[in-house]
Amino acid sequence: MQQAEINFANFMNHFQTEENCRDHFFKIRWANGFRCPKCGNEEYTFIKNYGRYQCHQCRHQASITAGTIMHRSHTGLREWFMVIYLFTHS
């Protein structure tokens, strides 16, 4: 999504669900595809109940928000995205 085309209505339409937000953040966080932070393996399984990515090789579980301001937050990504949008467009 280009910044020039983002208004609040477009934002809300684009990021309607947690899954939309997670998919967008995944593309930003792991632009070249997932790589396990522990062993570097590229194969993973998404564990929906925990919202984590588990490495097929070492079974390390990685969170998409680890190491970010959203780390260990119980607030959903959609709410975080909305706060970031409002903060950066005020």
N, C-alpha and C. Protein backbone atom coordinates (compact mmCIF):
# COMPACT_ATOMS: atom_id res chain seq x y z
N MET A 1 0.84 -1.17 0.00
CA MET A 1 0.00 0.00 0.00
C MET A 1 0.89 1.24 0.00
N GLN A 2 0.74 2.10 -0.98
CA GLN A 2 1.53 3.32 -1.10
C GLN A 2 1.04 4.36 -0.09
N GLN A 3 1.97 5.09 0.52
CA GLN A 3 1.59 6.06 1.54
C GLN A 3 0.70 7.15 0.98
N ALA A 4 0.91 7.59 -0.26
CA ALA A 4 0.12 8.66 -0.85
C ALA A 4 -1.36 8.31 -0.94
N GLU A 5 -1.68 7.02 -1.07
CA GLU A 5 -3.07 6.62 -1.23
C GLU A 5 -3.75 6.25 0.09
N ILE A 6 -3.02 6.35 1.18
CA ILE A 6 -3.59 5.95 2.46
C ILE A 6 -4.36 7.11 3.09
N ASN A 7 -5.64 6.91 3.25
CA ASN A 7 -6.43 7.75 4.13
C ASN A 7 -7.06 6.79 5.13
N PHE A 8 -7.76 7.31 6.10
CA PHE A 8 -8.26 6.43 7.16
C PHE A 8 -9.22 5.38 6.63
N ALA A 9 -10.07 5.74 5.68
CA ALA A 9 -11.01 4.78 5.09
C ALA A 9 -10.26 3.66 4.35
N ASN A 10 -9.24 4.03 3.58
CA ASN A 10 -8.44 3.02 2.87
C ASN A 10 -7.69 2.13 3.86
N PHE A 11 -7.16 2.74 4.90
CA PHE A 11 -6.46 1.99 5.93
C PHE A 11 -7.37 0.95 6.56
N MET A 12 -8.56 1.38 6.99
CA MET A 12 -9.51 0.48 7.64
C MET A 12 -9.95 -0.63 6.69
N ASN A 13 -10.08 -0.29 5.43
CA ASN A 13 -10.49 -1.28 4.43
C ASN A 13 -9.38 -2.30 4.18
N HIS A 14 -8.13 -1.83 4.14
CA HIS A 14 -6.99 -2.72 3.85
C HIS A 14 -6.66 -3.63 5.04
N PHE A 15 -6.77 -3.10 6.24
CA PHE A 15 -6.42 -3.85 7.45
C PHE A 15 -7.67 -4.19 8.25
N GLN A 16 -8.56 -4.97 7.65
CA GLN A 16 -9.83 -5.31 8.28
C GLN A 16 -9.71 -6.36 9.37
N THR A 17 -8.71 -7.23 9.26
CA THR A 17 -8.58 -8.34 10.20
C THR A 17 -7.16 -8.45 10.73
N GLU A 18 -7.02 -9.20 11.81
CA GLU A 18 -5.70 -9.50 12.36
C GLU A 18 -4.84 -10.21 11.32
N GLU A 19 -5.47 -11.09 10.55
CA GLU A 19 -4.74 -11.84 9.52
C GLU A 19 -4.17 -10.91 8.46
N ASN A 20 -4.95 -9.91 8.03
CA ASN A 20 -4.45 -8.92 7.06
C ASN A 20 -3.22 -8.21 7.63
N CYS A 21 -3.31 -7.82 8.88
CA CYS A 21 -2.20 -7.10 9.53
C CYS A 21 -0.99 -8.01 9.67
N ARG A 22 -1.21 -9.26 10.09
CA ARG A 22 -0.11 -10.21 10.25
C ARG A 22 0.58 -10.47 8.92
N ASP A 23 -0.21 -10.66 7.86
CA ASP A 23 0.37 -10.90 6.53
C ASP A 23 1.21 -9.71 6.07
N HIS A 24 0.71 -8.50 6.30
CA HIS A 24 1.44 -7.29 5.91
C HIS A 24 2.74 -7.16 6.71
N PHE A 25 2.65 -7.38 8.02
CA PHE A 25 3.82 -7.27 8.88
C PHE A 25 4.84 -8.36 8.57
N PHE A 26 4.36 -9.57 8.22
CA PHE A 26 5.26 -10.66 7.82
C PHE A 26 6.09 -10.24 6.63
N LYS A 27 5.46 -9.61 5.63
CA LYS A 27 6.18 -9.16 4.42
C LYS A 27 7.21 -8.09 4.74
N ILE A 28 6.93 -7.28 5.75
CA ILE A 28 7.88 -6.25 6.15
C ILE A 28 9.01 -6.87 6.98
N ARG A 29 8.62 -7.68 7.94
CA ARG A 29 9.58 -8.27 8.88
C ARG A 29 10.53 -9.26 8.20
N TRP A 30 9.96 -10.11 7.35
CA TRP A 30 10.75 -11.13 6.66
C TRP A 30 10.55 -10.95 5.16
N ALA A 31 11.05 -9.86 4.63
CA ALA A 31 10.85 -9.49 3.22
C ALA A 31 11.36 -10.57 2.26
N ASN A 32 12.40 -11.27 2.65
CA ASN A 32 12.96 -12.34 1.80
C ASN A 32 12.48 -13.71 2.23
N GLY A 33 11.40 -13.75 3.00
CA GLY A 33 10.88 -15.01 3.51
C GLY A 33 11.37 -15.28 4.93
N PHE A 34 10.64 -16.11 5.62
CA PHE A 34 10.97 -16.43 7.01
C PHE A 34 12.33 -17.10 7.10
N ARG A 35 13.09 -16.69 8.09
CA ARG A 35 14.35 -17.36 8.46
C ARG A 35 14.33 -17.48 9.97
N CYS A 36 14.53 -18.69 10.44
CA CYS A 36 14.55 -18.92 11.88
C CYS A 36 15.66 -18.08 12.51
N PRO A 37 15.35 -17.31 13.55
CA PRO A 37 16.38 -16.49 14.18
C PRO A 37 17.43 -17.32 14.93
N LYS A 38 17.12 -18.57 15.21
CA LYS A 38 18.05 -19.42 15.94
C LYS A 38 18.99 -20.21 15.01
N CYS A 39 18.44 -20.84 13.95
CA CYS A 39 19.28 -21.71 13.11
C CYS A 39 19.33 -21.27 11.64
N GLY A 40 18.50 -20.31 11.24
CA GLY A 40 18.53 -19.81 9.87
C GLY A 40 17.72 -20.61 8.86
N ASN A 41 17.05 -21.66 9.31
CA ASN A 41 16.22 -22.48 8.42
C ASN A 41 15.05 -21.65 7.88
N GLU A 42 14.62 -21.99 6.66
CA GLU A 42 13.54 -21.23 6.01
C GLU A 42 12.18 -21.91 6.08
N GLU A 43 12.12 -23.15 6.52
CA GLU A 43 10.85 -23.87 6.58
C GLU A 43 10.22 -23.70 7.96
N TYR A 44 8.92 -23.44 7.95
CA TYR A 44 8.23 -23.16 9.20
C TYR A 44 6.77 -23.59 9.12
N THR A 45 6.14 -23.64 10.27
CA THR A 45 4.71 -23.85 10.38
C THR A 45 4.16 -22.70 11.22
N PHE A 46 3.04 -22.14 10.81
CA PHE A 46 2.40 -21.10 11.61
C PHE A 46 1.50 -21.77 12.63
N ILE A 47 1.70 -21.46 13.91
CA ILE A 47 0.89 -22.02 14.98
C ILE A 47 -0.17 -20.98 15.32
N LYS A 48 -1.35 -21.17 14.78
CA LYS A 48 -2.42 -20.18 14.86
C LYS A 48 -2.82 -19.86 16.30
N ASN A 49 -2.93 -20.87 17.16
CA ASN A 49 -3.37 -20.64 18.55
C ASN A 49 -2.45 -19.70 19.31
N TYR A 50 -1.16 -19.73 18.97
CA TYR A 50 -0.18 -18.91 19.68
C TYR A 50 0.32 -17.74 18.85
N GLY A 51 -0.03 -17.72 17.58
CA GLY A 51 0.43 -16.64 16.70
C GLY A 51 1.93 -16.64 16.50
N ARG A 52 2.53 -17.82 16.46
CA ARG A 52 3.98 -17.93 16.31
C ARG A 52 4.33 -18.79 15.11
N TYR A 53 5.57 -18.63 14.67
CA TYR A 53 6.10 -19.39 13.55
C TYR A 53 7.12 -20.37 14.11
N GLN A 54 6.90 -21.66 13.85
CA GLN A 54 7.80 -22.68 14.40
C GLN A 54 8.69 -23.25 13.30
N CYS A 55 9.97 -23.21 13.55
CA CYS A 55 10.97 -23.73 12.63
C CYS A 55 10.84 -25.24 12.51
N HIS A 56 10.91 -25.75 11.28
CA HIS A 56 10.83 -27.20 11.06
C HIS A 56 12.10 -27.91 11.53
N GLN A 57 13.21 -27.22 11.52
CA GLN A 57 14.48 -27.86 11.85
C GLN A 57 14.74 -27.92 13.36
N CYS A 58 14.76 -26.77 14.01
CA CYS A 58 15.11 -26.73 15.44
C CYS A 58 13.90 -26.56 16.35
N ARG A 59 12.73 -26.36 15.76
CA ARG A 59 11.46 -26.20 16.47
C ARG A 59 11.38 -24.92 17.32
N HIS A 60 12.30 -24.00 17.09
CA HIS A 60 12.25 -22.70 17.76
C HIS A 60 10.99 -21.97 17.31
N GLN A 61 10.33 -21.31 18.24
CA GLN A 61 9.13 -20.55 17.91
C GLN A 61 9.46 -19.07 17.91
N ALA A 62 9.14 -18.43 16.78
CA ALA A 62 9.42 -17.00 16.62
C ALA A 62 8.12 -16.23 16.52
N SER A 63 8.08 -15.11 17.19
CA SER A 63 6.93 -14.21 17.13
C SER A 63 7.24 -13.11 16.13
N ILE A 64 6.25 -12.72 15.38
CA ILE A 64 6.44 -11.67 14.38
C ILE A 64 6.74 -10.32 15.05
N THR A 65 6.32 -10.17 16.31
CA THR A 65 6.51 -8.89 17.01
C THR A 65 7.75 -8.88 17.91
N ALA A 66 8.46 -9.99 18.00
CA ALA A 66 9.65 -10.05 18.86
C ALA A 66 10.65 -8.97 18.48
N GLY A 67 11.14 -8.27 19.48
CA GLY A 67 12.13 -7.23 19.25
C GLY A 67 11.54 -5.91 18.76
N THR A 68 10.23 -5.79 18.76
CA THR A 68 9.58 -4.54 18.34
C THR A 68 8.86 -3.93 19.54
N ILE A 69 8.32 -2.76 19.37
CA ILE A 69 7.55 -2.11 20.43
C ILE A 69 6.32 -2.94 20.81
N MET A 70 5.89 -3.82 19.92
CA MET A 70 4.70 -4.63 20.14
C MET A 70 5.01 -5.94 20.87
N HIS A 71 6.28 -6.21 21.13
CA HIS A 71 6.71 -7.45 21.77
C HIS A 71 6.02 -7.64 23.12
N ARG A 72 5.48 -8.83 23.32
CA ARG A 72 4.81 -9.22 24.58
C ARG A 72 3.56 -8.40 24.89
N SER A 73 3.05 -7.72 23.91
CA SER A 73 1.83 -6.94 24.10
C SER A 73 0.62 -7.85 23.89
N HIS A 74 -0.42 -7.61 24.65
CA HIS A 74 -1.65 -8.36 24.48
C HIS A 74 -2.62 -7.62 23.56
N THR A 75 -2.18 -6.49 23.04
CA THR A 75 -2.97 -5.71 22.10
C THR A 75 -2.80 -6.30 20.71
N GLY A 76 -3.88 -6.42 19.98
CA GLY A 76 -3.84 -7.00 18.65
C GLY A 76 -3.09 -6.12 17.65
N LEU A 77 -2.61 -6.75 16.58
CA LEU A 77 -1.89 -6.00 15.55
C LEU A 77 -2.76 -4.94 14.90
N ARG A 78 -4.03 -5.21 14.72
CA ARG A 78 -4.92 -4.23 14.10
C ARG A 78 -4.97 -2.95 14.93
N GLU A 79 -5.06 -3.10 16.23
CA GLU A 79 -5.07 -1.92 17.10
C GLU A 79 -3.73 -1.20 17.05
N TRP A 80 -2.64 -1.96 17.06
CA TRP A 80 -1.31 -1.36 16.95
C TRP A 80 -1.18 -0.58 15.64
N PHE A 81 -1.62 -1.19 14.54
CA PHE A 81 -1.54 -0.52 13.25
C PHE A 81 -2.36 0.76 13.26
N MET A 82 -3.54 0.72 13.89
CA MET A 82 -4.39 1.90 13.94
C MET A 82 -3.72 3.03 14.75
N VAL A 83 -3.13 2.67 15.87
CA VAL A 83 -2.43 3.67 16.70
C VAL A 83 -1.26 4.27 15.93
N ILE A 84 -0.49 3.42 15.26
CA ILE A 84 0.66 3.90 14.47
C ILE A 84 0.17 4.81 13.33
N TYR A 85 -0.91 4.41 12.67
CA TYR A 85 -1.47 5.23 11.60
C TYR A 85 -1.86 6.61 12.13
N LEU A 86 -2.65 6.62 13.22
CA LEU A 86 -3.13 7.89 13.79
C LEU A 86 -1.97 8.76 14.27
N PHE A 87 -0.96 8.14 14.88
CA PHE A 87 0.20 8.88 15.36
C PHE A 87 0.99 9.50 14.21
N THR A 88 1.17 8.75 13.14
CA THR A 88 1.99 9.25 12.03
C THR A 88 1.22 10.18 11.08
N HIS A 89 -0.09 10.22 11.20
CA HIS A 89 -0.88 11.09 10.32
C HIS A 89 -1.53 12.25 11.08
N SER A 90 -1.04 12.52 12.28
CA SER A 90 -1.62 13.64 13.04
C SER A 90 -0.81 14.90 12.85
